[in-house]
Amino acid sequence: ITIKQIQEKIAEAIKLSGLTQTEIGKRLQISQ
C-alpha cells in the first residue's frame, strides 16, 4: 500500500460525498 493510493481514496470519497470542501471543513472544524 502506498501513500498515493491512500490519497487517491480520500480524494475520491470527498468528491463522491456531494459535500463541498467548505461544508466538510466546517463539520470537521478544519479549513477548506
PDB file of all heavy atoms in Angstrom:
ATOM      1  N   ILE A   1       0.856  -1.187   0.000  1.00  0.00           N
ATOM      2  CA  ILE A   1       0.000   0.000   0.000  1.00  0.00           C
ATOM      3  C   ILE A   1       0.894   1.239   0.000  1.00  0.00           C
ATOM      4  O   ILE A   1       1.861   1.311   0.757  1.00  0.00           O
ATOM      5  CB  ILE A   1      -0.913   0.003   1.237  1.00  0.00           C
ATOM      6  CG1 ILE A   1      -1.796  -1.236   1.239  1.00  0.00           C
ATOM      7  CG2 ILE A   1      -1.743   1.272   1.283  1.00  0.00           C
ATOM      8  CD1 ILE A   1      -2.475  -1.513   2.560  1.00  0.00           C
ATOM      9  N   THR A   2       0.548   2.205  -0.851  1.00  0.00           N
ATOM     10  CA  THR A   2       1.348   3.425  -0.925  1.00  0.00           C
ATOM     11  C   THR A   2       0.550   4.635  -0.435  1.00  0.00           C
ATOM     12  O   THR A   2      -0.691   4.606  -0.420  1.00  0.00           O
ATOM     13  CB  THR A   2       1.806   3.707  -2.372  1.00  0.00           C
ATOM     14  OG1 THR A   2       0.659   4.001  -3.173  1.00  0.00           O
ATOM     15  CG2 THR A   2       2.570   2.529  -2.955  1.00  0.00           C
ATOM     16  N   ILE A   3       1.260   5.680  -0.068  1.00  0.00           N
ATOM     17  CA  ILE A   3       0.634   6.937   0.347  1.00  0.00           C
ATOM     18  C   ILE A   3      -0.240   7.472  -0.787  1.00  0.00           C
ATOM     19  O   ILE A   3      -1.340   7.959  -0.558  1.00  0.00           O
ATOM     20  CB  ILE A   3       1.715   7.982   0.727  1.00  0.00           C
ATOM     21  CG1 ILE A   3       2.510   7.530   1.940  1.00  0.00           C
ATOM     22  CG2 ILE A   3       1.104   9.359   0.939  1.00  0.00           C
ATOM     23  CD1 ILE A   3       1.769   7.580   3.244  1.00  0.00           C
ATOM     24  N   LYS A   4       0.238   7.364  -2.013  1.00  0.00           N
ATOM     25  CA  LYS A   4      -0.509   7.855  -3.167  1.00  0.00           C
ATOM     26  C   LYS A   4      -1.862   7.162  -3.276  1.00  0.00           C
ATOM     27  O   LYS A   4      -2.872   7.804  -3.560  1.00  0.00           O
ATOM     28  CB  LYS A   4       0.297   7.661  -4.448  1.00  0.00           C
ATOM     29  CG  LYS A   4      -0.425   8.151  -5.685  1.00  0.00           C
ATOM     30  CD  LYS A   4       0.536   8.646  -6.718  1.00  0.00           C
ATOM     31  CE  LYS A   4      -0.139   9.117  -7.966  1.00  0.00           C
ATOM     32  NZ  LYS A   4      -0.924  10.324  -7.813  1.00  0.00           N
ATOM     33  N   GLN A   5      -1.916   5.862  -3.041  1.00  0.00           N
ATOM     34  CA  GLN A   5      -3.182   5.123  -3.088  1.00  0.00           C
ATOM     35  C   GLN A   5      -4.150   5.644  -2.028  1.00  0.00           C
ATOM     36  O   GLN A   5      -5.340   5.808  -2.295  1.00  0.00           O
ATOM     37  CB  GLN A   5      -2.943   3.627  -2.876  1.00  0.00           C
ATOM     38  CG  GLN A   5      -2.255   2.947  -4.029  1.00  0.00           C
ATOM     39  CD  GLN A   5      -1.881   1.522  -3.682  1.00  0.00           C
ATOM     40  OE1 GLN A   5      -1.255   1.264  -2.649  1.00  0.00           O
ATOM     41  NE2 GLN A   5      -2.256   0.586  -4.544  1.00  0.00           N
ATOM     42  N   ILE A   6      -3.650   5.892  -0.832  1.00  0.00           N
ATOM     43  CA  ILE A   6      -4.491   6.404   0.254  1.00  0.00           C
ATOM     44  C   ILE A   6      -4.995   7.803  -0.091  1.00  0.00           C
ATOM     45  O   ILE A   6      -6.177   8.102   0.081  1.00  0.00           O
ATOM     46  CB  ILE A   6      -3.715   6.389   1.591  1.00  0.00           C
ATOM     47  CG1 ILE A   6      -3.406   4.939   1.988  1.00  0.00           C
ATOM     48  CG2 ILE A   6      -4.503   7.115   2.682  1.00  0.00           C
ATOM     49  CD1 ILE A   6      -2.445   4.799   3.144  1.00  0.00           C
ATOM     50  N   GLN A   7      -4.109   8.637  -0.615  1.00  0.00           N
ATOM     51  CA  GLN A   7      -4.517   9.987  -1.019  1.00  0.00           C
ATOM     52  C   GLN A   7      -5.609   9.936  -2.083  1.00  0.00           C
ATOM     53  O   GLN A   7      -6.564  10.708  -2.038  1.00  0.00           O
ATOM     54  CB  GLN A   7      -3.311  10.777  -1.543  1.00  0.00           C
ATOM     55  CG  GLN A   7      -2.336  11.160  -0.458  1.00  0.00           C
ATOM     56  CD  GLN A   7      -1.032  11.719  -1.009  1.00  0.00           C
ATOM     57  OE1 GLN A   7      -0.522  11.263  -2.028  1.00  0.00           O
ATOM     58  NE2 GLN A   7      -0.493  12.701  -0.308  1.00  0.00           N
ATOM     59  N   GLU A   8      -5.483   9.032  -3.033  1.00  0.00           N
ATOM     60  CA  GLU A   8      -6.483   8.895  -4.094  1.00  0.00           C
ATOM     61  C   GLU A   8      -7.829   8.447  -3.519  1.00  0.00           C
ATOM     62  O   GLU A   8      -8.875   8.935  -3.943  1.00  0.00           O
ATOM     63  CB  GLU A   8      -6.004   7.911  -5.155  1.00  0.00           C
ATOM     64  CG  GLU A   8      -4.883   8.467  -6.011  1.00  0.00           C
ATOM     65  CD  GLU A   8      -4.231   7.431  -6.918  1.00  0.00           C
ATOM     66  OE1 GLU A   8      -4.581   6.232  -6.850  1.00  0.00           O
ATOM     67  OE2 GLU A   8      -3.352   7.836  -7.710  1.00  0.00           O
ATOM     68  N   LYS A   9      -7.810   7.536  -2.553  1.00  0.00           N
ATOM     69  CA  LYS A   9      -9.052   7.064  -1.925  1.00  0.00           C
ATOM     70  C   LYS A   9      -9.731   8.192  -1.149  1.00  0.00           C
ATOM     71  O   LYS A   9     -10.957   8.332  -1.188  1.00  0.00           O
ATOM     72  CB  LYS A   9      -8.778   5.879  -0.989  1.00  0.00           C
ATOM     73  CG  LYS A   9      -8.383   4.610  -1.690  1.00  0.00           C
ATOM     74  CD  LYS A   9      -9.589   3.968  -2.315  1.00  0.00           C
ATOM     75  CE  LYS A   9      -9.240   2.573  -2.806  1.00  0.00           C
ATOM     76  NZ  LYS A   9     -10.392   1.880  -3.340  1.00  0.00           N
ATOM     77  N   ILE A  10      -8.949   8.993  -0.439  1.00  0.00           N
ATOM     78  CA  ILE A  10      -9.507  10.126   0.302  1.00  0.00           C
ATOM     79  C   ILE A  10     -10.140  11.116  -0.676  1.00  0.00           C
ATOM     80  O   ILE A  10     -11.282  11.546  -0.478  1.00  0.00           O
ATOM     81  CB  ILE A  10      -8.418  10.824   1.155  1.00  0.00           C
ATOM     82  CG1 ILE A  10      -7.972   9.909   2.296  1.00  0.00           C
ATOM     83  CG2 ILE A  10      -8.932  12.158   1.704  1.00  0.00           C
ATOM     84  CD1 ILE A  10      -6.744  10.397   3.046  1.00  0.00           C
ATOM     85  N   ALA A  11      -9.412  11.457  -1.726  1.00  0.00           N
ATOM     86  CA  ALA A  11      -9.923  12.410  -2.712  1.00  0.00           C
ATOM     87  C   ALA A  11     -11.205  11.898  -3.358  1.00  0.00           C
ATOM     88  O   ALA A  11     -12.177  12.651  -3.517  1.00  0.00           O
ATOM     89  CB  ALA A  11      -8.865  12.677  -3.774  1.00  0.00           C
ATOM     90  N   GLU A  12     -11.236  10.623  -3.697  1.00  0.00           N
ATOM     91  CA  GLU A  12     -12.421  10.027  -4.321  1.00  0.00           C
ATOM     92  C   GLU A  12     -13.622  10.077  -3.375  1.00  0.00           C
ATOM     93  O   GLU A  12     -14.728  10.439  -3.780  1.00  0.00           O
ATOM     94  CB  GLU A  12     -12.122   8.577  -4.710  1.00  0.00           C
ATOM     95  CG  GLU A  12     -13.276   7.865  -5.349  1.00  0.00           C
ATOM     96  CD  GLU A  12     -12.957   6.402  -5.666  1.00  0.00           C
ATOM     97  OE1 GLU A  12     -11.822   5.957  -5.436  1.00  0.00           O
ATOM     98  OE2 GLU A  12     -13.877   5.716  -6.132  1.00  0.00           O
ATOM     99  N   ALA A  13     -13.410   9.738  -2.121  1.00  0.00           N
ATOM    100  CA  ALA A  13     -14.505   9.749  -1.144  1.00  0.00           C
ATOM    101  C   ALA A  13     -15.055  11.160  -0.945  1.00  0.00           C
ATOM    102  O   ALA A  13     -16.273  11.352  -0.844  1.00  0.00           O
ATOM    103  CB  ALA A  13     -14.017   9.171   0.189  1.00  0.00           C
ATOM    104  N   ILE A  14     -14.170  12.136  -0.911  1.00  0.00           N
ATOM    105  CA  ILE A  14     -14.608  13.527  -0.755  1.00  0.00           C
ATOM    106  C   ILE A  14     -15.429  13.952  -1.966  1.00  0.00           C
ATOM    107  O   ILE A  14     -16.506  14.532  -1.832  1.00  0.00           O
ATOM    108  CB  ILE A  14     -13.406  14.462  -0.525  1.00  0.00           C
ATOM    109  CG1 ILE A  14     -12.817  14.227   0.873  1.00  0.00           C
ATOM    110  CG2 ILE A  14     -13.812  15.931  -0.692  1.00  0.00           C
ATOM    111  CD1 ILE A  14     -11.501  14.940   1.125  1.00  0.00           C
ATOM    112  N   LYS A  15     -14.930  13.643  -3.154  1.00  0.00           N
ATOM    113  CA  LYS A  15     -15.636  14.033  -4.375  1.00  0.00           C
ATOM    114  C   LYS A  15     -16.999  13.357  -4.490  1.00  0.00           C
ATOM    115  O   LYS A  15     -17.974  13.967  -4.924  1.00  0.00           O
ATOM    116  CB  LYS A  15     -14.777  13.731  -5.595  1.00  0.00           C
ATOM    117  CG  LYS A  15     -13.609  14.682  -5.740  1.00  0.00           C
ATOM    118  CD  LYS A  15     -12.721  14.330  -6.907  1.00  0.00           C
ATOM    119  CE  LYS A  15     -11.517  15.258  -6.951  1.00  0.00           C
ATOM    120  NZ  LYS A  15     -10.551  14.874  -7.988  1.00  0.00           N
ATOM    121  N   LEU A  16     -17.084  12.098  -4.099  1.00  0.00           N
ATOM    122  CA  LEU A  16     -18.337  11.344  -4.192  1.00  0.00           C
ATOM    123  C   LEU A  16     -19.344  11.710  -3.099  1.00  0.00           C
ATOM    124  O   LEU A  16     -20.516  11.371  -3.204  1.00  0.00           O
ATOM    125  CB  LEU A  16     -18.058   9.838  -4.146  1.00  0.00           C
ATOM    126  CG  LEU A  16     -17.324   9.253  -5.346  1.00  0.00           C
ATOM    127  CD1 LEU A  16     -17.017   7.780  -5.110  1.00  0.00           C
ATOM    128  CD2 LEU A  16     -18.131   9.431  -6.622  1.00  0.00           C
ATOM    129  N   SER A  17     -18.892  12.406  -2.078  1.00  0.00           N
ATOM    130  CA  SER A  17     -19.761  12.710  -0.943  1.00  0.00           C
ATOM    131  C   SER A  17     -20.889  13.674  -1.285  1.00  0.00           C
ATOM    132  O   SER A  17     -21.925  13.681  -0.627  1.00  0.00           O
ATOM    133  CB  SER A  17     -18.945  13.291   0.213  1.00  0.00           C
ATOM    134  OG  SER A  17     -18.550  14.629  -0.073  1.00  0.00           O
ATOM    135  N   GLY A  18     -20.655  14.518  -2.289  1.00  0.00           N
ATOM    136  CA  GLY A  18     -21.647  15.536  -2.608  1.00  0.00           C
ATOM    137  C   GLY A  18     -21.548  16.759  -1.717  1.00  0.00           C
ATOM    138  O   GLY A  18     -22.279  17.727  -1.907  1.00  0.00           O
ATOM    139  N   LEU A  19     -20.659  16.726  -0.747  1.00  0.00           N
ATOM    140  CA  LEU A  19     -20.441  17.868   0.138  1.00  0.00           C
ATOM    141  C   LEU A  19     -19.366  18.765  -0.457  1.00  0.00           C
ATOM    142  O   LEU A  19     -18.439  18.293  -1.113  1.00  0.00           O
ATOM    143  CB  LEU A  19     -19.986  17.398   1.520  1.00  0.00           C
ATOM    144  CG  LEU A  19     -20.956  16.538   2.322  1.00  0.00           C
ATOM    145  CD1 LEU A  19     -20.266  15.971   3.551  1.00  0.00           C
ATOM    146  CD2 LEU A  19     -22.175  17.344   2.708  1.00  0.00           C
ATOM    147  N   THR A  20     -19.492  20.052  -0.214  1.00  0.00           N
ATOM    148  CA  THR A  20     -18.442  20.967  -0.653  1.00  0.00           C
ATOM    149  C   THR A  20     -17.270  20.878   0.320  1.00  0.00           C
ATOM    150  O   THR A  20     -17.417  20.431   1.467  1.00  0.00           O
ATOM    151  CB  THR A  20     -18.938  22.424  -0.708  1.00  0.00           C
ATOM    152  OG1 THR A  20     -19.206  22.870   0.632  1.00  0.00           O
ATOM    153  CG2 THR A  20     -20.163  22.570  -1.584  1.00  0.00           C
ATOM    154  N   GLN A  21     -16.134  21.327  -0.151  1.00  0.00           N
ATOM    155  CA  GLN A  21     -14.960  21.351   0.714  1.00  0.00           C
ATOM    156  C   GLN A  21     -15.194  22.254   1.912  1.00  0.00           C
ATOM    157  O   GLN A  21     -14.749  21.950   3.024  1.00  0.00           O
ATOM    158  CB  GLN A  21     -13.734  21.807  -0.074  1.00  0.00           C
ATOM    159  CG  GLN A  21     -13.314  20.810  -1.128  1.00  0.00           C
ATOM    160  CD  GLN A  21     -12.142  21.288  -1.953  1.00  0.00           C
ATOM    161  OE1 GLN A  21     -11.474  22.259  -1.625  1.00  0.00           O
ATOM    162  NE2 GLN A  21     -11.885  20.595  -3.046  1.00  0.00           N
ATOM    163  N   THR A  22     -15.927  23.329   1.704  1.00  0.00           N
ATOM    164  CA  THR A  22     -16.246  24.252   2.801  1.00  0.00           C
ATOM    165  C   THR A  22     -17.124  23.559   3.838  1.00  0.00           C
ATOM    166  O   THR A  22     -16.878  23.686   5.046  1.00  0.00           O
ATOM    167  CB  THR A  22     -16.936  25.518   2.257  1.00  0.00           C
ATOM    168  OG1 THR A  22     -16.061  26.142   1.316  1.00  0.00           O
ATOM    169  CG2 THR A  22     -17.274  26.493   3.369  1.00  0.00           C
ATOM    170  N   GLU A  23     -18.134  22.815   3.388  1.00  0.00           N
ATOM    171  CA  GLU A  23     -19.016  22.097   4.317  1.00  0.00           C
ATOM    172  C   GLU A  23     -18.237  21.070   5.121  1.00  0.00           C
ATOM    173  O   GLU A  23     -18.423  20.953   6.342  1.00  0.00           O
ATOM    174  CB  GLU A  23     -20.135  21.388   3.551  1.00  0.00           C
ATOM    175  CG  GLU A  23     -21.174  22.302   2.960  1.00  0.00           C
ATOM    176  CD  GLU A  23     -22.160  21.565   2.070  1.00  0.00           C
ATOM    177  OE1 GLU A  23     -21.740  20.695   1.275  1.00  0.00           O
ATOM    178  OE2 GLU A  23     -23.362  21.865   2.187  1.00  0.00           O
ATOM    179  N   ILE A  24     -17.380  20.336   4.457  1.00  0.00           N
ATOM    180  CA  ILE A  24     -16.571  19.325   5.147  1.00  0.00           C
ATOM    181  C   ILE A  24     -15.682  20.003   6.185  1.00  0.00           C
ATOM    182  O   ILE A  24     -15.591  19.553   7.333  1.00  0.00           O
ATOM    183  CB  ILE A  24     -15.737  18.512   4.143  1.00  0.00           C
ATOM    184  CG1 ILE A  24     -16.660  17.646   3.278  1.00  0.00           C
ATOM    185  CG2 ILE A  24     -14.712  17.642   4.869  1.00  0.00           C
ATOM    186  CD1 ILE A  24     -15.977  16.979   2.097  1.00  0.00           C
ATOM    187  N   GLY A  25     -15.039  21.096   5.784  1.00  0.00           N
ATOM    188  CA  GLY A  25     -14.175  21.833   6.712  1.00  0.00           C
ATOM    189  C   GLY A  25     -14.919  22.300   7.943  1.00  0.00           C
ATOM    190  O   GLY A  25     -14.449  22.132   9.068  1.00  0.00           O
ATOM    191  N   LYS A  26     -16.095  22.873   7.737  1.00  0.00           N
ATOM    192  CA  LYS A  26     -16.891  23.357   8.878  1.00  0.00           C
ATOM    193  C   LYS A  26     -17.278  22.218   9.803  1.00  0.00           C
ATOM    194  O   LYS A  26     -17.178  22.344  11.028  1.00  0.00           O
ATOM    195  CB  LYS A  26     -18.142  24.080   8.384  1.00  0.00           C
ATOM    196  CG  LYS A  26     -17.869  25.465   7.855  1.00  0.00           C
ATOM    197  CD  LYS A  26     -19.143  26.153   7.419  1.00  0.00           C
ATOM    198  CE  LYS A  26     -18.829  27.524   6.843  1.00  0.00           C
ATOM    199  NZ  LYS A  26     -20.019  28.213   6.342  1.00  0.00           N
ATOM    200  N   ARG A  27     -17.725  21.126   9.229  1.00  0.00           N
ATOM    201  CA  ARG A  27     -18.169  19.990  10.063  1.00  0.00           C
ATOM    202  C   ARG A  27     -17.022  19.351  10.834  1.00  0.00           C
ATOM    203  O   ARG A  27     -17.222  18.825  11.923  1.00  0.00           O
ATOM    204  CB  ARG A  27     -18.876  18.952   9.205  1.00  0.00           C
ATOM    205  CG  ARG A  27     -20.202  19.453   8.663  1.00  0.00           C
ATOM    206  CD  ARG A  27     -20.946  18.362   7.956  1.00  0.00           C
ATOM    207  NE  ARG A  27     -22.102  18.877   7.241  1.00  0.00           N
ATOM    208  CZ  ARG A  27     -22.977  18.104   6.629  1.00  0.00           C
ATOM    209  NH1 ARG A  27     -22.840  16.794   6.629  1.00  0.00           N
ATOM    210  NH2 ARG A  27     -24.004  18.638   6.002  1.00  0.00           N
ATOM    211  N   LEU A  28     -15.825  19.382  10.232  1.00  0.00           N
ATOM    212  CA  LEU A  28     -14.665  18.781  10.901  1.00  0.00           C
ATOM    213  C   LEU A  28     -13.838  19.805  11.678  1.00  0.00           C
ATOM    214  O   LEU A  28     -12.839  19.456  12.295  1.00  0.00           O
ATOM    215  CB  LEU A  28     -13.770  18.085   9.872  1.00  0.00           C
ATOM    216  CG  LEU A  28     -14.383  16.895   9.145  1.00  0.00           C
ATOM    217  CD1 LEU A  28     -13.382  16.316   8.159  1.00  0.00           C
ATOM    218  CD2 LEU A  28     -14.847  15.836  10.125  1.00  0.00           C
ATOM    219  N   GLN A  29     -14.265  21.069  11.605  1.00  0.00           N
ATOM    220  CA  GLN A  29     -13.562  22.160  12.267  1.00  0.00           C
ATOM    221  C   GLN A  29     -12.110  22.280  11.784  1.00  0.00           C
ATOM    222  O   GLN A  29     -11.174  22.416  12.580  1.00  0.00           O
ATOM    223  CB  GLN A  29     -13.645  22.029  13.785  1.00  0.00           C
ATOM    224  CG  GLN A  29     -15.073  22.093  14.283  1.00  0.00           C
ATOM    225  CD  GLN A  29     -15.188  21.953  15.786  1.00  0.00           C
ATOM    226  OE1 GLN A  29     -14.285  21.456  16.451  1.00  0.00           O
ATOM    227  NE2 GLN A  29     -16.309  22.394  16.317  1.00  0.00           N
ATOM    228  N   ILE A  30     -11.974  22.184  10.455  1.00  0.00           N
ATOM    229  CA  ILE A  30     -10.692  22.411   9.806  1.00  0.00           C
ATOM    230  C   ILE A  30     -10.947  23.399   8.665  1.00  0.00           C
ATOM    231  O   ILE A  30     -12.091  23.664   8.315  1.00  0.00           O
ATOM    232  CB  ILE A  30     -10.058  21.105   9.260  1.00  0.00           C
ATOM    233  CG1 ILE A  30     -10.987  20.426   8.240  1.00  0.00           C
ATOM    234  CG2 ILE A  30      -9.728  20.162  10.408  1.00  0.00           C
ATOM    235  CD1 ILE A  30     -10.384  19.205   7.570  1.00  0.00           C
ATOM    236  N   SER A  31      -9.910  23.916   8.076  1.00  0.00           N
ATOM    237  CA  SER A  31     -10.085  24.893   6.999  1.00  0.00           C
ATOM    238  C   SER A  31     -10.456  24.208   5.681  1.00  0.00           C
ATOM    239  O   SER A  31     -10.136  23.030   5.467  1.00  0.00           O
ATOM    240  CB  SER A  31      -8.801  25.699   6.807  1.00  0.00           C
ATOM    241  OG  SER A  31      -7.787  24.883   6.258  1.00  0.00           O
ATOM    242  N   GLN A  32     -11.105  24.975   4.833  1.00  0.00           N
ATOM    243  CA  GLN A  32     -11.416  24.488   3.489  1.00  0.00           C
ATOM    244  C   GLN A  32     -10.120  24.191   2.751  1.00  0.00           C
ATOM    245  O   GLN A  32     -10.043  23.259   1.959  1.00  0.00           O
ATOM    246  CB  GLN A  32     -12.266  25.530   2.741  1.00  0.00           C
ATOM    247  CG  GLN A  32     -12.588  25.178   1.290  1.00  0.00           C
ATOM    248  CD  GLN A  32     -11.507  25.561   0.314  1.00  0.00           C
ATOM    249  OE1 GLN A  32     -10.837  26.572   0.468  1.00  0.00           O
ATOM    250  NE2 GLN A  32     -11.324  24.748  -0.698  1.00  0.00           N
TER     251      GLN A  32
END
